[in-house]
Amino acid sequence: MQYNAKAPYIVETHWQIEEVIDGDSIIISHLFSQLQKRIRLYGLDAPEVHINRKMIEEEQKSHLAAHFLRQFGFMSLEYVLSVAPPKTNVTIITETNNYYDYWKRQLAYVILPGGECLNDLLLINGYAKATDKFYCSRLAEFQTMNREAQLNSVGIYSYINNF
């Protein structure tokens, strides 16, 4: 993961994944306190696992049934659980100028114990798509990762060309 020197970052250590909500959201807790945070991963969007407003919008845009799209959401969720299950220790990196999303969730790059960035893994392996919905300094890089996953038909792209 390359960081833009112009974008100041806050690095938070000693966190652990408590719950994987879906392919782009997790709940973490601090190892030495009772503090918990809901984290939204920067620069990507994974399919929904619940029928909600966003799912209905995606259904209309993609012309695919919500129950079909939901299966992709479960695939993304299962992928996150396979690489970052609950109790995984993580480091959270947040851009200081872009800290929260519209729903007041903290945006973050989630770094796993081996140094891999969860955001990158989801894109490279085709379980999320790059999005500019929530700005991040790595958007161009994320778009390239997304396109390569699409061209290589990996993850969800092995079933469908767009989601």
Protein backbone atom coordinates (compact mmCIF):
# COMPACT_ATOMS: atom_id res chain seq x y z
CA MET A 1 0.00 0.00 0.00
CA GLN A 2 1.44 3.33 -1.04
CA TYR A 3 0.44 6.47 0.86
CA ASN A 4 0.32 9.89 -0.68
CA ALA A 5 2.70 12.13 1.29
CA LYS A 6 0.25 15.03 0.84
CA ALA A 7 -2.52 13.18 2.68
CA PRO A 8 -1.97 13.12 6.45
CA TYR A 9 -2.94 9.88 8.14
CA ILE A 10 -3.92 8.76 11.61
CA VAL A 11 -2.60 5.30 12.46
CA GLU A 12 -4.42 3.43 15.24
CA THR A 13 -3.01 0.20 16.64
CA HIS A 14 -4.22 -2.41 19.15
CA TRP A 15 -7.62 -3.04 17.56
CA GLN A 16 -9.35 -6.35 17.03
CA ILE A 17 -12.20 -7.28 14.71
CA GLU A 18 -15.32 -8.01 16.74
CA GLU A 19 -17.77 -8.54 13.89
CA VAL A 20 -17.75 -8.60 10.12
CA ILE A 21 -20.99 -6.90 9.12
CA ASP A 22 -20.60 -7.31 5.36
CA GLY A 23 -17.93 -7.02 2.68
CA ASP A 24 -17.15 -3.37 3.38
CA SER A 25 -18.01 -2.82 7.06
CA ILE A 26 -16.65 -4.22 10.31
CA ILE A 27 -16.90 -3.53 14.02
CA ILE A 28 -13.62 -3.33 15.90
CA SER A 29 -12.78 -3.06 19.59
CA HIS A 30 -9.70 -1.73 21.31
CA LEU A 31 -7.58 -4.39 23.00
CA PHE A 32 -7.01 -2.31 26.16
CA SER A 33 -10.37 -0.59 26.61
CA GLN A 34 -14.04 -1.21 25.92
CA LEU A 35 -14.08 1.25 23.01
CA GLN A 36 -15.74 -0.03 19.83
CA LYS A 37 -15.97 1.52 16.37
CA ARG A 38 -17.91 0.73 13.24
CA ILE A 39 -15.49 0.93 10.30
CA ARG A 40 -16.37 1.47 6.63
CA LEU A 41 -13.56 0.47 4.26
CA TYR A 42 -12.22 3.26 2.05
CA GLY A 43 -12.64 3.31 -1.70
CA LEU A 44 -14.74 0.22 -2.26
CA ASP A 45 -18.27 -1.07 -2.27
CA ALA A 46 -19.34 -4.66 -1.70
CA PRO A 47 -22.77 -6.08 -2.49
CA GLU A 48 -25.36 -5.92 0.29
CA VAL A 49 -26.32 -8.89 2.44
CA HIS A 50 -29.67 -7.41 3.52
CA ILE A 51 -32.62 -6.28 1.46
CA ASN A 52 -32.61 -2.51 1.96
CA ARG A 53 -32.83 0.76 0.03
CA LYS A 54 -29.36 0.34 -1.46
CA MET A 55 -30.16 -3.22 -2.57
CA ILE A 56 -33.31 -2.03 -4.35
CA GLU A 57 -31.30 0.71 -6.11
CA GLU A 58 -28.69 -1.86 -7.20
CA GLU A 59 -31.45 -4.18 -8.42
CA GLN A 60 -32.86 -1.42 -10.62
CA LYS A 61 -29.42 -0.41 -11.97
CA SER A 62 -28.18 -3.92 -12.67
CA HIS A 63 -31.50 -5.46 -13.74
CA LEU A 64 -30.66 -8.43 -11.49
CA ALA A 65 -33.01 -9.74 -8.82
CA ALA A 66 -32.22 -8.65 -5.26
CA HIS A 67 -31.98 -12.26 -4.03
CA PHE A 68 -29.35 -12.90 -6.74
CA LEU A 69 -27.37 -9.79 -5.78
CA ARG A 70 -27.64 -10.79 -2.13
CA GLN A 71 -25.78 -14.02 -2.89
CA PHE A 72 -22.84 -11.92 -4.09
CA GLY A 73 -23.05 -10.00 -0.81
CA PHE A 74 -22.71 -13.28 1.07
CA MET A 75 -19.72 -14.23 -1.10
CA SER A 76 -18.02 -10.95 -0.19
CA LEU A 77 -18.84 -11.43 3.50
CA GLU A 78 -17.45 -14.98 3.44
CA TYR A 79 -14.26 -13.74 1.80
CA VAL A 80 -13.71 -11.15 4.55
CA LEU A 81 -14.39 -13.81 7.20
CA SER A 82 -11.80 -16.07 5.53
CA VAL A 83 -8.99 -13.46 5.62
CA ALA A 84 -10.02 -11.37 8.64
CA PRO A 85 -12.28 -13.31 11.00
CA PRO A 86 -13.40 -11.99 14.38
CA LYS A 87 -10.51 -11.72 16.89
CA THR A 88 -8.06 -10.74 14.12
CA ASN A 89 -5.76 -7.95 15.34
CA VAL A 90 -5.73 -5.00 12.95
CA THR A 91 -4.24 -1.56 12.49
CA ILE A 92 -6.56 1.17 11.25
CA ILE A 93 -5.31 3.95 8.99
CA THR A 94 -7.55 6.95 8.38
CA GLU A 95 -7.04 10.02 6.21
CA THR A 96 -7.37 13.03 8.51
CA ASN A 97 -9.22 15.10 5.89
CA ASN A 98 -11.69 12.29 5.21
CA TYR A 99 -12.45 10.68 8.55
CA TYR A 100 -16.19 9.83 8.50
CA ASP A 101 -18.79 8.86 5.94
CA TYR A 102 -22.29 10.30 5.70
CA TRP A 103 -23.55 7.89 8.40
CA LYS A 104 -20.72 8.86 10.81
CA ARG A 105 -18.84 5.59 10.39
CA GLN A 106 -15.08 5.97 10.53
CA LEU A 107 -13.51 5.35 7.14
CA ALA A 108 -10.30 3.31 7.18
CA TYR A 109 -7.73 1.18 5.49
CA VAL A 110 -7.61 -2.02 7.57
CA ILE A 111 -4.15 -3.53 7.86
CA LEU A 112 -4.00 -7.22 8.78
CA PRO A 113 -1.31 -8.86 10.97
CA GLY A 114 0.74 -9.93 7.92
CA GLY A 115 0.80 -6.36 6.58
CA GLU A 116 -1.84 -6.87 3.88
CA CYS A 117 -4.50 -4.20 3.42
CA LEU A 118 -8.01 -5.70 3.61
CA ASN A 119 -9.27 -3.02 1.20
CA ASP A 120 -6.70 -4.14 -1.40
CA LEU A 121 -7.48 -7.84 -0.93
CA LEU A 122 -11.19 -7.33 -1.55
CA LEU A 123 -10.52 -5.46 -4.80
CA ILE A 124 -7.71 -7.68 -6.10
CA ASN A 125 -9.76 -10.82 -5.50
CA GLY A 126 -12.97 -9.42 -7.00
CA TYR A 127 -15.19 -9.33 -3.90
CA ALA A 128 -15.77 -5.55 -3.98
CA LYS A 129 -15.66 -2.83 -6.59
CA ALA A 130 -13.89 0.52 -6.47
CA THR A 131 -16.16 3.46 -5.83
CA ASP A 132 -15.78 7.21 -5.57
CA LYS A 133 -18.81 7.41 -3.26
CA PHE A 134 -16.46 7.95 -0.30
CA TYR A 135 -13.32 9.79 -1.39
CA CYS A 136 -9.96 8.22 -0.67
CA SER A 137 -6.49 9.21 -1.86
CA ARG A 138 -5.93 5.75 -3.39
CA LEU A 139 -9.00 5.81 -5.66
CA ALA A 140 -7.07 5.61 -8.96
CA GLU A 141 -5.06 2.63 -7.67
CA PHE A 142 -8.27 0.97 -6.43
CA GLN A 143 -9.91 1.48 -9.83
CA THR A 144 -6.95 -0.27 -11.48
CA MET A 145 -7.18 -3.21 -9.04
CA ASN A 146 -10.91 -3.43 -9.71
CA ARG A 147 -10.47 -3.44 -13.48
CA GLU A 148 -7.80 -6.17 -13.30
CA ALA A 149 -10.10 -8.36 -11.18
CA GLN A 150 -12.87 -7.80 -13.70
CA LEU A 151 -10.63 -8.65 -16.68
CA ASN A 152 -9.28 -11.75 -14.89
CA SER A 153 -12.81 -12.89 -13.94
CA VAL A 154 -11.96 -13.46 -10.28
CA GLY A 155 -14.30 -13.51 -7.29
CA ILE A 156 -17.75 -12.19 -8.09
CA TYR A 157 -16.51 -11.31 -11.58
CA SER A 158 -16.31 -15.03 -12.34
CA TYR A 159 -20.14 -14.99 -12.28
CA ILE A 160 -21.00 -11.57 -13.66
CA ASN A 161 -19.20 -8.75 -15.47
CA ASN A 162 -20.56 -5.89 -13.32
CA PHE A 163 -22.11 -5.63 -9.91
